[in-house]
Amino acid sequence: MSNSSGSYMLNDILYICRDKGIFEVVGKEKTKDLIKAIMDLGNKHDCNDYEILHGIGEEIGICH
């Protein structure tokens, strides 16, 4: 069983970053680096990759 609440919290953080324009400021490569770091953090806490990227992964060109 994964940590769904943690996964969706990380998903919310990604949406906040998008809405605040952070991804546009840092550019595509650093955005991918940030998301990979968030995914690694989530994996250390038994989070689910699909839930972390749900909806936003496709928007920013990263799949689980």
Protein backbone atom coordinates (compact mmCIF):
# COMPACT_ATOMS: atom_id res chain seq x y z
CA MET A 1 0.00 0.00 0.00
CA SER A 2 1.47 3.35 -0.96
CA ASN A 3 1.39 6.66 0.83
CA SER A 4 -1.40 8.21 -1.25
CA SER A 5 -1.79 11.33 0.87
CA GLY A 6 1.94 12.03 0.50
CA SER A 7 1.76 11.37 -3.24
CA TYR A 8 -1.10 13.80 -3.74
CA MET A 9 0.57 16.40 -1.53
CA LEU A 10 3.61 16.27 -3.82
CA ASN A 11 1.25 16.50 -6.81
CA ASP A 12 -0.28 19.63 -5.28
CA ILE A 13 3.20 21.11 -4.85
CA LEU A 14 3.90 20.55 -8.54
CA TYR A 15 0.68 22.36 -9.44
CA ILE A 16 1.63 25.24 -7.14
CA CYS A 17 5.01 25.48 -8.88
CA ARG A 18 3.29 25.53 -12.25
CA ASP A 19 0.71 28.11 -11.17
CA LYS A 20 3.40 30.39 -9.71
CA GLY A 21 5.37 30.25 -12.97
CA ILE A 22 8.37 28.49 -11.46
CA PHE A 23 8.65 26.02 -14.34
CA GLU A 24 8.73 28.85 -16.87
CA VAL A 25 11.43 30.71 -14.93
CA VAL A 26 13.78 27.76 -14.48
CA GLY A 27 13.24 26.24 -17.92
CA LYS A 28 12.49 22.75 -19.15
CA GLU A 29 15.69 20.95 -18.08
CA LYS A 30 15.73 22.31 -14.52
CA THR A 31 12.00 21.60 -14.26
CA LYS A 32 12.69 17.96 -15.14
CA ASP A 33 15.52 17.89 -12.59
CA LEU A 34 13.21 19.32 -9.91
CA ILE A 35 10.50 16.79 -10.68
CA LYS A 36 12.98 13.91 -10.62
CA ALA A 37 14.17 15.09 -7.20
CA ILE A 38 10.57 15.28 -5.96
CA MET A 39 9.90 11.78 -7.34
CA ASP A 40 13.02 10.44 -5.57
CA LEU A 41 11.87 12.04 -2.33
CA GLY A 42 8.42 10.54 -2.77
CA ASN A 43 9.86 7.09 -3.41
CA LYS A 44 11.78 7.28 -0.14
CA HIS A 45 8.43 7.81 1.61
CA ASP A 46 6.50 5.06 -0.20
CA CYS A 47 4.68 7.45 -2.52
CA ASN A 48 3.26 6.42 -5.87
CA ASP A 49 4.81 7.87 -9.05
CA TYR A 50 1.47 7.89 -10.89
CA GLU A 51 -0.22 9.84 -8.10
CA ILE A 52 2.64 12.34 -7.87
CA LEU A 53 2.45 13.07 -11.61
CA HIS A 54 -1.33 12.67 -11.97
CA GLY A 55 -2.53 15.26 -14.48
CA ILE A 56 0.53 17.47 -14.41
CA GLY A 57 3.06 14.97 -15.74
CA GLU A 58 1.50 15.02 -19.18
CA GLU A 59 1.27 18.83 -19.12
CA ILE A 60 5.00 19.20 -18.57
CA GLY A 61 6.11 16.27 -20.69
CA ILE A 62 7.10 13.78 -17.99
CA CYS A 63 5.49 10.39 -17.69
CA HIS A 64 5.60 8.00 -14.77
